[in-house]
Amino acid sequence: MTTVVDIRSLSFSYPPARKKSAPRVALDALSIQVHSGELFCLLGPNGSGKSTLFRLLSTLLEPPASAVSVFGHDLRSEPAAVRSAIGIVFQNPSLDKKLTVRENLLVFGRFFGMDRTKIATRADELLELFQLTDRAKDQVEPLSGGMKRRLSIARALIASPTILMLDEPTTGLDPQARHLLWDALQRLKRAGTTIVLTTHYMDEAEQLCDRLVVMDQAKIVAVGSPRQLITEHASREVLELRFPGGTDSLPNNALESIGDRYERLAERVIVGCENGEAAHARALDNGLDPESWLVRRSSLEDVFLRLTGRSLDE
């Protein structure tokens, strides 16, 4: 596999907020490689460093020399060469509301010095890919949130960048809009586009990503495919016990023997185990009386909880 993004021993700190205070470490000796044609995901709670890493890769922040290269171009000394290879969509991109859907694509293409005929052809291709052809002549303002997000991504793709970078692309979208966008991203990946995205949605990472990195407190705590991480860091099944009155009063000794491990949340206890039905029977034998319970297969969220001890939407 060809490495298109190569990050080696990357550290980054923000200046101290006050005099005599220490700089804030945002990234601590990160090493990651992103391969050509894969969909790579950055996961992490607020303050983990994933947003800083995304901004560095977007050339908005300047990394140390020789720590990051994109297609062999050093991100610090050759940012222009990197920018020509990437398309970026931030969480709140600004579309030109005075223009129509299609005009937003045409105008953006001119920024790259593209031939007008080529821009028009490419715009029509993207409108079809993102199911916006029937809205091509509409103004941007009346569009739904999902349509605006799809248009923003289409605009970033007008010059056919090799790498598409997306910052939480489906935040705030309804389920139908999310799935439409997922389908478009999977089509792009199959066509050879490398995609790097951040997300707060575990199901999104599990459904879309070929590989992902979990970050916490400026460090990488795990990297691999969703299935690899689930196999390595989670039990086969999960038992969820719900206690609407709260879990603070539940005795530790009653929880510790239910399964392999447990996580105590506000109203739920998440138990990792090999057999959920047997674990539920042990919970009842230990005197626990949950209002409801369910058994499910382990997921990426369970991996995240085990590695970081908190949920992504904290």
C-alpha atoms as a PDB file:
ATOM      1  CA  MET A   1       0.000   0.000   0.000  1.00  0.00           C
ATOM      2  CA  THR A   2       1.194   3.486  -0.871  1.00  0.00           C
ATOM      3  CA  THR A   3       1.580   5.876   2.056  1.00  0.00           C
ATOM      4  CA  VAL A   4       0.101   9.282   1.220  1.00  0.00           C
ATOM      5  CA  VAL A   5       0.229  10.871   4.687  1.00  0.00           C
ATOM      6  CA  ASP A   6       3.262  10.104   6.827  1.00  0.00           C
ATOM      7  CA  ILE A   7       3.349  11.399  10.408  1.00  0.00           C
ATOM      8  CA  ARG A   8       6.429  10.569  12.454  1.00  0.00           C
ATOM      9  CA  SER A   9       7.017  11.536  16.088  1.00  0.00           C
ATOM     10  CA  LEU A  10       4.781  14.596  15.752  1.00  0.00           C
ATOM     11  CA  SER A  11       4.511  16.766  18.849  1.00  0.00           C
ATOM     12  CA  PHE A  12       2.725  20.101  19.027  1.00  0.00           C
ATOM     13  CA  SER A  13       2.056  22.535  21.871  1.00  0.00           C
ATOM     14  CA  TYR A  14       0.045  25.731  22.131  1.00  0.00           C
ATOM     15  CA  PRO A  15       1.643  28.783  23.793  1.00  0.00           C
ATOM     16  CA  PRO A  16       0.868  29.234  27.500  1.00  0.00           C
ATOM     17  CA  ALA A  17      -2.368  31.058  28.238  1.00  0.00           C
ATOM     18  CA  ARG A  18      -0.721  33.086  30.992  1.00  0.00           C
ATOM     19  CA  LYS A  19       2.777  34.187  31.817  1.00  0.00           C
ATOM     20  CA  LYS A  20       4.819  31.620  33.742  1.00  0.00           C
ATOM     21  CA  SER A  21       2.345  28.862  32.876  1.00  0.00           C
ATOM     22  CA  ALA A  22       3.453  25.859  30.836  1.00  0.00           C
ATOM     23  CA  PRO A  23       2.596  25.382  27.157  1.00  0.00           C
ATOM     24  CA  ARG A  24      -0.397  23.120  26.530  1.00  0.00           C
ATOM     25  CA  VAL A  25       0.635  19.872  24.872  1.00  0.00           C
ATOM     26  CA  ALA A  26      -1.892  19.020  22.154  1.00  0.00           C
ATOM     27  CA  LEU A  27      -0.017  16.205  20.389  1.00  0.00           C
ATOM     28  CA  ASP A  28       2.620  14.008  21.989  1.00  0.00           C
ATOM     29  CA  ALA A  29       4.918  11.999  19.695  1.00  0.00           C
ATOM     30  CA  LEU A  30       2.279  10.800  17.229  1.00  0.00           C
ATOM     31  CA  SER A  31       3.226   8.426  14.430  1.00  0.00           C
ATOM     32  CA  ILE A  32       0.556   7.501  11.853  1.00  0.00           C
ATOM     33  CA  GLN A  33       0.499   6.539   8.195  1.00  0.00           C
ATOM     34  CA  VAL A  34      -2.548   6.952   5.946  1.00  0.00           C
ATOM     35  CA  HIS A  35      -2.612   4.774   2.844  1.00  0.00           C
ATOM     36  CA  SER A  36      -3.820   5.605  -0.635  1.00  0.00           C
ATOM     37  CA  GLY A  37      -7.505   4.918  -1.235  1.00  0.00           C
ATOM     38  CA  GLU A  38      -8.483   4.235   2.368  1.00  0.00           C
ATOM     39  CA  LEU A  39     -11.034   5.958   4.538  1.00  0.00           C
ATOM     40  CA  PHE A  40      -9.188   6.861   7.725  1.00  0.00           C
ATOM     41  CA  CYS A  41     -10.947   8.140  10.831  1.00  0.00           C
ATOM     42  CA  LEU A  42      -9.779  10.220  13.796  1.00  0.00           C
ATOM     43  CA  LEU A  43     -11.650   9.506  17.038  1.00  0.00           C
ATOM     44  CA  GLY A  44     -11.194  11.124  20.407  1.00  0.00           C
ATOM     45  CA  PRO A  45     -13.005  13.056  23.135  1.00  0.00           C
ATOM     46  CA  ASN A  46     -12.822  16.827  23.380  1.00  0.00           C
ATOM     47  CA  GLY A  47      -9.269  17.853  24.185  1.00  0.00           C
ATOM     48  CA  SER A  48      -7.747  14.637  22.879  1.00  0.00           C
ATOM     49  CA  GLY A  49      -5.798  16.384  20.119  1.00  0.00           C
ATOM     50  CA  LYS A  50      -7.760  15.157  17.081  1.00  0.00           C
ATOM     51  CA  SER A  51      -8.905  18.666  16.107  1.00  0.00           C
ATOM     52  CA  THR A  52      -5.333  19.935  16.338  1.00  0.00           C
ATOM     53  CA  LEU A  53      -4.154  17.068  14.149  1.00  0.00           C
ATOM     54  CA  PHE A  54      -6.907  17.814  11.621  1.00  0.00           C
ATOM     55  CA  ARG A  55      -5.917  21.486  11.504  1.00  0.00           C
ATOM     56  CA  LEU A  56      -2.269  20.573  11.028  1.00  0.00           C
ATOM     57  CA  LEU A  57      -3.076  18.281   8.129  1.00  0.00           C
ATOM     58  CA  SER A  58      -5.262  21.055   6.689  1.00  0.00           C
ATOM     59  CA  THR A  59      -2.187  23.378   6.742  1.00  0.00           C
ATOM     60  CA  LEU A  60      -3.898  25.772   9.162  1.00  0.00           C
ATOM     61  CA  LEU A  61      -1.209  25.112  11.771  1.00  0.00           C
ATOM     62  CA  GLU A  62       2.522  24.803  11.163  1.00  0.00           C
ATOM     63  CA  PRO A  63       4.058  21.525  12.333  1.00  0.00           C
ATOM     64  CA  PRO A  64       7.690  20.939  13.264  1.00  0.00           C
ATOM     65  CA  ALA A  65       9.973  20.368  10.286  1.00  0.00           C
ATOM     66  CA  SER A  66      10.048  16.829   8.841  1.00  0.00           C
ATOM     67  CA  ALA A  67       7.275  15.596  11.161  1.00  0.00           C
ATOM     68  CA  VAL A  68       4.503  15.422   8.545  1.00  0.00           C
ATOM     69  CA  SER A  69       4.651  14.760   4.817  1.00  0.00           C
ATOM     70  CA  VAL A  70       1.835  14.455   2.284  1.00  0.00           C
ATOM     71  CA  PHE A  71       2.758  12.739  -0.993  1.00  0.00           C
ATOM     72  CA  GLY A  72       6.370  13.293  -0.029  1.00  0.00           C
ATOM     73  CA  HIS A  73       5.916  17.049   0.467  1.00  0.00           C
ATOM     74  CA  ASP A  74       7.008  18.366   3.841  1.00  0.00           C
ATOM     75  CA  LEU A  75       4.000  20.052   5.438  1.00  0.00           C
ATOM     76  CA  ARG A  76       6.092  22.804   7.015  1.00  0.00           C
ATOM     77  CA  SER A  77       8.308  23.772   4.070  1.00  0.00           C
ATOM     78  CA  GLU A  78       5.938  22.933   1.189  1.00  0.00           C
ATOM     79  CA  PRO A  79       2.398  23.813   2.361  1.00  0.00           C
ATOM     80  CA  ALA A  80       1.313  25.027  -1.092  1.00  0.00           C
ATOM     81  CA  ALA A  81       2.124  21.646  -2.635  1.00  0.00           C
ATOM     82  CA  VAL A  82       0.106  19.937   0.100  1.00  0.00           C
ATOM     83  CA  ARG A  83      -2.872  22.261  -0.369  1.00  0.00           C
ATOM     84  CA  SER A  84      -3.008  21.429  -4.075  1.00  0.00           C
ATOM     85  CA  ALA A  85      -3.502  17.754  -3.212  1.00  0.00           C
ATOM     86  CA  ILE A  86      -6.249  18.075  -0.576  1.00  0.00           C
ATOM     87  CA  GLY A  87      -9.866  19.173  -0.405  1.00  0.00           C
ATOM     88  CA  ILE A  88     -11.101  20.314   3.004  1.00  0.00           C
ATOM     89  CA  VAL A  89     -14.595  20.582   4.476  1.00  0.00           C
ATOM     90  CA  PHE A  90     -14.868  22.002   7.974  1.00  0.00           C
ATOM     91  CA  GLN A  91     -17.814  21.409  10.256  1.00  0.00           C
ATOM     92  CA  ASN A  92     -19.360  24.804   9.461  1.00  0.00           C
ATOM     93  CA  PRO A  93     -18.309  25.606   5.886  1.00  0.00           C
ATOM     94  CA  SER A  94     -19.500  28.829   4.265  1.00  0.00           C
ATOM     95  CA  LEU A  95     -21.401  28.526   0.999  1.00  0.00           C
ATOM     96  CA  ASP A  96     -22.179  31.596  -1.105  1.00  0.00           C
ATOM     97  CA  LYS A  97     -25.863  32.150  -0.423  1.00  0.00           C
ATOM     98  CA  LYS A  98     -26.191  34.617  -3.317  1.00  0.00           C
ATOM     99  CA  LEU A  99     -25.361  31.909  -5.834  1.00  0.00           C
ATOM    100  CA  THR A 100     -27.256  28.834  -6.955  1.00  0.00           C
ATOM    101  CA  VAL A 101     -26.128  25.315  -6.090  1.00  0.00           C
ATOM    102  CA  ARG A 102     -24.381  24.840  -9.436  1.00  0.00           C
ATOM    103  CA  GLU A 103     -22.882  28.342  -9.413  1.00  0.00           C
ATOM    104  CA  ASN A 104     -21.217  27.577  -6.067  1.00  0.00           C
ATOM    105  CA  LEU A 105     -19.322  24.783  -7.794  1.00  0.00           C
ATOM    106  CA  LEU A 106     -18.493  26.789 -10.928  1.00  0.00           C
ATOM    107  CA  VAL A 107     -17.104  29.779  -9.027  1.00  0.00           C
ATOM    108  CA  PHE A 108     -15.048  27.600  -6.714  1.00  0.00           C
ATOM    109  CA  GLY A 109     -13.548  25.768  -9.681  1.00  0.00           C
ATOM    110  CA  ARG A 110     -12.265  29.048 -11.101  1.00  0.00           C
ATOM    111  CA  PHE A 111     -10.192  29.577  -7.955  1.00  0.00           C
ATOM    112  CA  PHE A 112      -8.088  26.629  -9.136  1.00  0.00           C
ATOM    113  CA  GLY A 113      -7.605  28.023 -12.641  1.00  0.00           C
ATOM    114  CA  MET A 114      -9.612  25.225 -14.229  1.00  0.00           C
ATOM    115  CA  ASP A 115     -10.932  25.463 -17.774  1.00  0.00           C
ATOM    116  CA  ARG A 116     -14.587  26.552 -17.836  1.00  0.00           C
ATOM    117  CA  THR A 117     -15.682  23.524 -19.849  1.00  0.00           C
ATOM    118  CA  LYS A 118     -13.878  21.183 -17.468  1.00  0.00           C
ATOM    119  CA  ILE A 119     -15.439  22.940 -14.472  1.00  0.00           C
ATOM    120  CA  ALA A 120     -18.931  22.569 -15.944  1.00  0.00           C
ATOM    121  CA  THR A 121     -18.430  18.867 -16.647  1.00  0.00           C
ATOM    122  CA  ARG A 122     -16.995  18.231 -13.191  1.00  0.00           C
ATOM    123  CA  ALA A 123     -19.809  20.203 -11.521  1.00  0.00           C
ATOM    124  CA  ASP A 124     -22.458  18.090 -13.239  1.00  0.00           C
ATOM    125  CA  GLU A 125     -20.665  14.891 -12.185  1.00  0.00           C
ATOM    126  CA  LEU A 126     -20.591  16.015  -8.553  1.00  0.00           C
ATOM    127  CA  LEU A 127     -24.210  17.155  -8.570  1.00  0.00           C
ATOM    128  CA  GLU A 128     -25.192  13.671  -9.720  1.00  0.00           C
ATOM    129  CA  LEU A 129     -22.929  11.945  -7.190  1.00  0.00           C
ATOM    130  CA  PHE A 130     -24.393  13.921  -4.296  1.00  0.00           C
ATOM    131  CA  GLN A 131     -28.000  13.739  -5.595  1.00  0.00           C
ATOM    132  CA  LEU A 132     -28.287  17.482  -6.121  1.00  0.00           C
ATOM    133  CA  THR A 133     -28.948  17.596  -9.876  1.00  0.00           C
ATOM    134  CA  ASP A 134     -32.612  18.545  -9.457  1.00  0.00           C
ATOM    135  CA  ARG A 135     -31.588  21.426  -7.150  1.00  0.00           C
ATOM    136  CA  ALA A 136     -28.820  22.778  -9.383  1.00  0.00           C
ATOM    137  CA  LYS A 137     -30.640  26.043 -10.148  1.00  0.00           C
ATOM    138  CA  ASP A 138     -31.933  26.595  -6.604  1.00  0.00           C
ATOM    139  CA  GLN A 139     -30.556  29.156  -4.194  1.00  0.00           C
ATOM    140  CA  VAL A 140     -28.472  27.774  -1.320  1.00  0.00           C
ATOM    141  CA  GLU A 141     -30.384  29.283   1.596  1.00  0.00           C
ATOM    142  CA  PRO A 142     -33.592  27.162   1.335  1.00  0.00           C
ATOM    143  CA  LEU A 143     -31.642  23.904   1.159  1.00  0.00           C
ATOM    144  CA  SER A 144     -31.829  21.436   4.036  1.00  0.00           C
ATOM    145  CA  GLY A 145     -28.825  20.914   6.288  1.00  0.00           C
ATOM    146  CA  GLY A 146     -28.034  17.622   4.583  1.00  0.00           C
ATOM    147  CA  MET A 147     -28.098  19.202   1.119  1.00  0.00           C
ATOM    148  CA  LYS A 148     -25.826  22.036   2.230  1.00  0.00           C
ATOM    149  CA  ARG A 149     -23.369  19.538   3.685  1.00  0.00           C
ATOM    150  CA  ARG A 150     -23.367  17.510   0.460  1.00  0.00           C
ATOM    151  CA  LEU A 151     -22.859  20.667  -1.573  1.00  0.00           C
ATOM    152  CA  SER A 152     -19.937  21.687   0.653  1.00  0.00           C
ATOM    153  CA  ILE A 153     -18.230  18.351   0.024  1.00  0.00           C
ATOM    154  CA  ALA A 154     -18.954  18.545  -3.700  1.00  0.00           C
ATOM    155  CA  ARG A 155     -17.358  21.990  -3.789  1.00  0.00           C
ATOM    156  CA  ALA A 156     -14.225  20.672  -2.070  1.00  0.00           C
ATOM    157  CA  LEU A 157     -13.994  17.994  -4.780  1.00  0.00           C
ATOM    158  CA  ILE A 158     -14.313  20.311  -7.778  1.00  0.00           C
ATOM    159  CA  ALA A 159     -10.571  20.204  -8.551  1.00  0.00           C
ATOM    160  CA  SER A 160     -10.413  16.407  -8.009  1.00  0.00           C
ATOM    161  CA  PRO A 161      -8.123  16.432  -4.949  1.00  0.00           C
ATOM    162  CA  THR A 162      -6.381  13.176  -4.103  1.00  0.00           C
ATOM    163  CA  ILE A 163      -7.218  13.472  -0.394  1.00  0.00           C
ATOM    164  CA  LEU A 164     -10.554  14.655   0.990  1.00  0.00           C
ATOM    165  CA  MET A 165     -10.529  15.858   4.596  1.00  0.00           C
ATOM    166  CA  LEU A 166     -13.835  16.096   6.473  1.00  0.00           C
ATOM    167  CA  ASP A 167     -14.374  17.515   9.958  1.00  0.00           C
ATOM    168  CA  GLU A 168     -17.428  15.814  11.500  1.00  0.00           C
ATOM    169  CA  PRO A 169     -19.314  15.756   8.182  1.00  0.00           C
ATOM    170  CA  THR A 170     -22.654  14.401   9.462  1.00  0.00           C
ATOM    171  CA  THR A 171     -23.059  16.341  12.714  1.00  0.00           C
ATOM    172  CA  GLY A 172     -26.618  17.630  13.009  1.00  0.00           C
ATOM    173  CA  LEU A 173     -27.974  15.633  10.069  1.00  0.00           C
ATOM    174  CA  ASP A 174     -31.018  13.391  10.255  1.00  0.00           C
ATOM    175  CA  PRO A 175     -30.549   9.631   9.694  1.00  0.00           C
ATOM    176  CA  GLN A 176     -31.617   9.723   6.029  1.00  0.00           C
ATOM    177  CA  ALA A 177     -29.209  12.576   5.224  1.00  0.00           C
ATOM    178  CA  ARG A 178     -26.405  10.770   7.032  1.00  0.00           C
ATOM    179  CA  HIS A 179     -26.902   7.608   5.011  1.00  0.00           C
ATOM    180  CA  LEU A 180     -27.019   9.544   1.734  1.00  0.00           C
ATOM    181  CA  LEU A 181     -23.692  11.108   2.626  1.00  0.00           C
ATOM    182  CA  TRP A 182     -22.227   7.757   3.703  1.00  0.00           C
ATOM    183  CA  ASP A 183     -23.159   6.308   0.308  1.00  0.00           C
ATOM    184  CA  ALA A 184     -21.475   9.192  -1.525  1.00  0.00           C
ATOM    185  CA  LEU A 185     -18.291   8.837   0.536  1.00  0.00           C
ATOM    186  CA  GLN A 186     -18.141   5.101  -0.119  1.00  0.00           C
ATOM    187  CA  ARG A 187     -18.500   5.771  -3.850  1.00  0.00           C
ATOM    188  CA  LEU A 188     -15.643   8.277  -3.670  1.00  0.00           C
ATOM    189  CA  LYS A 189     -13.444   5.780  -1.861  1.00  0.00           C
ATOM    190  CA  ARG A 190     -14.143   3.086  -4.437  1.00  0.00           C
ATOM    191  CA  ALA A 191     -13.122   5.597  -7.117  1.00  0.00           C
ATOM    192  CA  GLY A 192      -9.738   5.978  -5.425  1.00  0.00           C
ATOM    193  CA  THR A 193     -10.111   9.084  -3.263  1.00  0.00           C
ATOM    194  CA  THR A 194      -8.336   8.924   0.093  1.00  0.00           C
ATOM    195  CA  ILE A 195     -10.609  10.253   2.855  1.00  0.00           C
ATOM    196  CA  VAL A 196      -9.604  11.432   6.315  1.00  0.00           C
ATOM    197  CA  LEU A 197     -12.435  12.367   8.648  1.00  0.00           C
ATOM    198  CA  THR A 198     -13.182  13.164  12.255  1.00  0.00           C
ATOM    199  CA  THR A 199     -16.465  12.039  13.772  1.00  0.00           C
ATOM    200  CA  HIS A 200     -18.330  11.853  17.061  1.00  0.00           C
ATOM    201  CA  TYR A 201     -20.499   8.991  15.834  1.00  0.00           C
ATOM    202  CA  MET A 202     -19.306   5.478  16.639  1.00  0.00           C
ATOM    203  CA  ASP A 203     -21.629   3.823  14.130  1.00  0.00           C
ATOM    204  CA  GLU A 204     -20.272   6.129  11.434  1.00  0.00           C
ATOM    205  CA  ALA A 205     -16.680   5.132  12.164  1.00  0.00           C
ATOM    206  CA  GLU A 206     -17.624   1.456  12.331  1.00  0.00           C
ATOM    207  CA  GLN A 207     -19.590   1.566   9.073  1.00  0.00           C
ATOM    208  CA  LEU A 208     -17.268   3.722   6.970  1.00  0.00           C
ATOM    209  CA  CYS A 209     -13.672   3.482   8.105  1.00  0.00           C
ATOM    210  CA  ASP A 210     -11.067   1.055   6.834  1.00  0.00           C
ATOM    211  CA  ARG A 211      -8.809   2.085   9.709  1.00  0.00           C
ATOM    212  CA  LEU A 212      -9.074   4.499  12.583  1.00  0.00           C
ATOM    213  CA  VAL A 213      -6.996   5.974  15.349  1.00  0.00           C
ATOM    214  CA  VAL A 214      -8.280   6.552  18.887  1.00  0.00           C
ATOM    215  CA  MET A 215      -6.667   9.535  20.599  1.00  0.00           C
ATOM    216  CA  ASP A 216      -6.755  10.547  24.242  1.00  0.00           C
ATOM    217  CA  GLN A 217      -4.804  13.184  26.152  1.00  0.00           C
ATOM    218  CA  ALA A 218      -2.629  14.085  23.133  1.00  0.00           C
ATOM    219  CA  LYS A 219      -1.559  10.484  22.494  1.00  0.00           C
ATOM    220  CA  ILE A 220      -2.589   7.614  20.262  1.00  0.00           C
ATOM    221  CA  VAL A 221      -4.078   4.846  22.368  1.00  0.00           C
ATOM    222  CA  ALA A 222      -5.107   2.475  19.560  1.00  0.00           C
ATOM    223  CA  VAL A 223      -4.988   2.168  15.777  1.00  0.00           C
ATOM    224  CA  GLY A 224      -6.445  -0.442  13.441  1.00  0.00           C
ATOM    225  CA  SER A 225      -9.590  -1.463  11.610  1.00  0.00           C
ATOM    226  CA  PRO A 226     -12.883  -1.322  13.556  1.00  0.00           C
ATOM    227  CA  ARG A 227     -13.053  -5.114  13.653  1.00  0.00           C
ATOM    228  CA  GLN A 228      -9.450  -5.448  14.803  1.00  0.00           C
ATOM    229  CA  LEU A 229      -9.995  -2.997  17.657  1.00  0.00           C
ATOM    230  CA  ILE A 230     -13.233  -4.658  18.742  1.00  0.00           C
ATOM    231  CA  THR A 231     -11.554  -8.070  18.773  1.00  0.00           C
ATOM    232  CA  GLU A 232      -8.506  -6.783  20.641  1.00  0.00           C
ATOM    233  CA  HIS A 233     -10.107  -4.506  23.214  1.00  0.00           C
ATOM    234  CA  ALA A 234     -13.658  -5.765  23.813  1.00  0.00           C
ATOM    235  CA  SER A 235     -15.378  -8.942  24.955  1.00  0.00           C
ATOM    236  CA  ARG A 236     -17.550 -10.944  22.577  1.00  0.00           C
ATOM    237  CA  GLU A 237     -20.814  -9.661  24.054  1.00  0.00           C
ATOM    238  CA  VAL A 238     -22.024  -6.772  26.176  1.00  0.00           C
ATOM    239  CA  LEU A 239     -24.703  -6.790  28.854  1.00  0.00           C
ATOM    240  CA  GLU A 240     -26.357  -3.420  29.520  1.00  0.00           C
ATOM    241  CA  LEU A 241     -28.148  -3.040  32.858  1.00  0.00           C
ATOM    242  CA  ARG A 242     -30.273   0.081  33.300  1.00  0.00           C
ATOM    243  CA  PHE A 243     -30.911   1.659  36.710  1.00  0.00           C
ATOM    244  CA  PRO A 244     -33.020   4.859  36.342  1.00  0.00           C
ATOM    245  CA  GLY A 245     -32.330   5.765  39.972  1.00  0.00           C
ATOM    246  CA  GLY A 246     -28.596   5.916  39.280  1.00  0.00           C
ATOM    247  CA  THR A 247     -25.687   3.523  39.706  1.00  0.00           C
ATOM    248  CA  ASP A 248     -23.730   5.244  42.502  1.00  0.00           C
ATOM    249  CA  SER A 249     -25.203   3.057  45.234  1.00  0.00           C
ATOM    250  CA  LEU A 250     -24.495  -0.248  43.500  1.00  0.00           C
ATOM    251  CA  PRO A 251     -21.827  -2.196  45.428  1.00  0.00           C
ATOM    252  CA  ASN A 252     -18.603  -2.885  43.558  1.00  0.00           C
ATOM    253  CA  ASN A 253     -18.459  -6.496  44.708  1.00  0.00           C
ATOM    254  CA  ALA A 254     -21.863  -7.147  43.121  1.00  0.00           C
ATOM    255  CA  LEU A 255     -20.628  -5.814  39.783  1.00  0.00           C
ATOM    256  CA  GLU A 256     -17.107  -7.228  39.648  1.00  0.00           C
ATOM    257  CA  SER A 257     -18.105 -10.877  39.303  1.00  0.00           C
ATOM    258  CA  ILE A 258     -20.726 -10.440  36.565  1.00  0.00           C
ATOM    259  CA  GLY A 259     -18.376 -10.443  33.581  1.00  0.00           C
ATOM    260  CA  ASP A 260     -14.839  -9.717  32.387  1.00  0.00           C
ATOM    261  CA  ARG A 261     -15.073  -5.987  33.108  1.00  0.00           C
ATOM    262  CA  TYR A 262     -17.672  -3.311  33.716  1.00  0.00           C
ATOM    263  CA  GLU A 263     -18.127   0.421  33.174  1.00  0.00           C
ATOM    264  CA  ARG A 264     -20.367   2.376  35.554  1.00  0.00           C
ATOM    265  CA  LEU A 265     -22.279   5.220  33.832  1.00  0.00           C
ATOM    266  CA  ALA A 266     -24.967   7.538  35.225  1.00  0.00           C
ATOM    267  CA  GLU A 267     -27.914   5.178  34.738  1.00  0.00           C
ATOM    268  CA  ARG A 268     -26.314   2.162  33.091  1.00  0.00           C
ATOM    269  CA  VAL A 269     -23.753  -0.474  33.866  1.00  0.00           C
ATOM    270  CA  ILE A 270     -21.975  -1.827  30.785  1.00  0.00           C
ATOM    271  CA  VAL A 271     -20.614  -5.334  31.338  1.00  0.00           C
ATOM    272  CA  GLY A 272     -18.170  -6.960  28.932  1.00  0.00           C
ATOM    273  CA  CYS A 273     -18.643 -10.720  28.854  1.00  0.00           C
ATOM    274  CA  GLU A 274     -18.526 -13.813  26.679  1.00  0.00           C
ATOM    275  CA  ASN A 275     -22.147 -14.788  27.326  1.00  0.00           C
ATOM    276  CA  GLY A 276     -24.651 -12.021  28.040  1.00  0.00           C
ATOM    277  CA  GLU A 277     -27.444 -14.296  29.206  1.00  0.00           C
ATOM    278  CA  ALA A 278     -25.187 -15.981  31.752  1.00  0.00           C
ATOM    279  CA  ALA A 279     -23.888 -12.581  32.913  1.00  0.00           C
ATOM    280  CA  HIS A 280     -27.458 -11.373  33.474  1.00  0.00           C
ATOM    281  CA  ALA A 281     -28.178 -14.449  35.586  1.00  0.00           C
ATOM    282  CA  ARG A 282     -25.085 -13.681  37.703  1.00  0.00           C
ATOM    283  CA  ALA A 283     -26.266 -10.083  38.145  1.00  0.00           C
ATOM    284  CA  LEU A 284     -29.589 -11.300  39.533  1.00  0.00           C
ATOM    285  CA  ASP A 285     -27.822 -13.820  41.772  1.00  0.00           C
ATOM    286  CA  ASN A 286     -25.737 -10.939  43.161  1.00  0.00           C
ATOM    287  CA  GLY A 287     -28.881  -9.097  44.217  1.00  0.00           C
ATOM    288  CA  LEU A 288     -28.974  -6.490  41.430  1.00  0.00           C
ATOM    289  CA  ASP A 289     -32.414  -5.448  40.235  1.00  0.00           C
ATOM    290  CA  PRO A 290     -32.143  -3.490  36.957  1.00  0.00           C
ATOM    291  CA  GLU A 291     -35.280  -1.970  35.491  1.00  0.00           C
ATOM    292  CA  SER A 292     -34.294  -3.308  32.061  1.00  0.00           C
ATOM    293  CA  TRP A 293     -31.440  -5.120  30.395  1.00  0.00           C
ATOM    294  CA  LEU A 294     -30.223  -6.142  26.968  1.00  0.00           C
ATOM    295  CA  VAL A 295     -27.489  -8.258  25.416  1.00  0.00           C
ATOM    296  CA  ARG A 296     -25.693  -7.154  22.247  1.00  0.00           C
ATOM    297  CA  ARG A 297     -22.489  -7.738  20.326  1.00  0.00           C
ATOM    298  CA  SER A 298     -19.526  -5.564  21.291  1.00  0.00           C
ATOM    299  CA  SER A 299     -19.115  -2.380  19.251  1.00  0.00           C
ATOM    300  CA  LEU A 300     -16.592   0.351  18.647  1.00  0.00           C
ATOM    301  CA  GLU A 301     -18.212   2.398  21.405  1.00  0.00           C
ATOM    302  CA  ASP A 302     -17.277  -0.303  23.900  1.00  0.00           C
ATOM    303  CA  VAL A 303     -13.680  -0.103  22.692  1.00  0.00           C
ATOM    304  CA  PHE A 304     -13.717   3.646  23.155  1.00  0.00           C
ATOM    305  CA  LEU A 305     -15.145   3.411  26.645  1.00  0.00           C
ATOM    306  CA  ARG A 306     -12.513   0.921  27.679  1.00  0.00           C
ATOM    307  CA  LEU A 307      -9.624   2.916  26.205  1.00  0.00           C
ATOM    308  CA  THR A 308     -10.633   6.404  27.343  1.00  0.00           C
ATOM    309  CA  GLY A 309     -13.149   5.838  30.120  1.00  0.00           C
ATOM    310  CA  ARG A 310     -15.692   8.248  28.722  1.00  0.00           C
ATOM    311  CA  SER A 311     -18.039   8.712  25.788  1.00  0.00           C
ATOM    312  CA  LEU A 312     -17.296  10.778  22.693  1.00  0.00           C
ATOM    313  CA  ASP A 313     -20.098  13.279  23.249  1.00  0.00           C
ATOM    314  CA  GLU A 314     -18.760  14.295  26.675  1.00  0.00           C
END
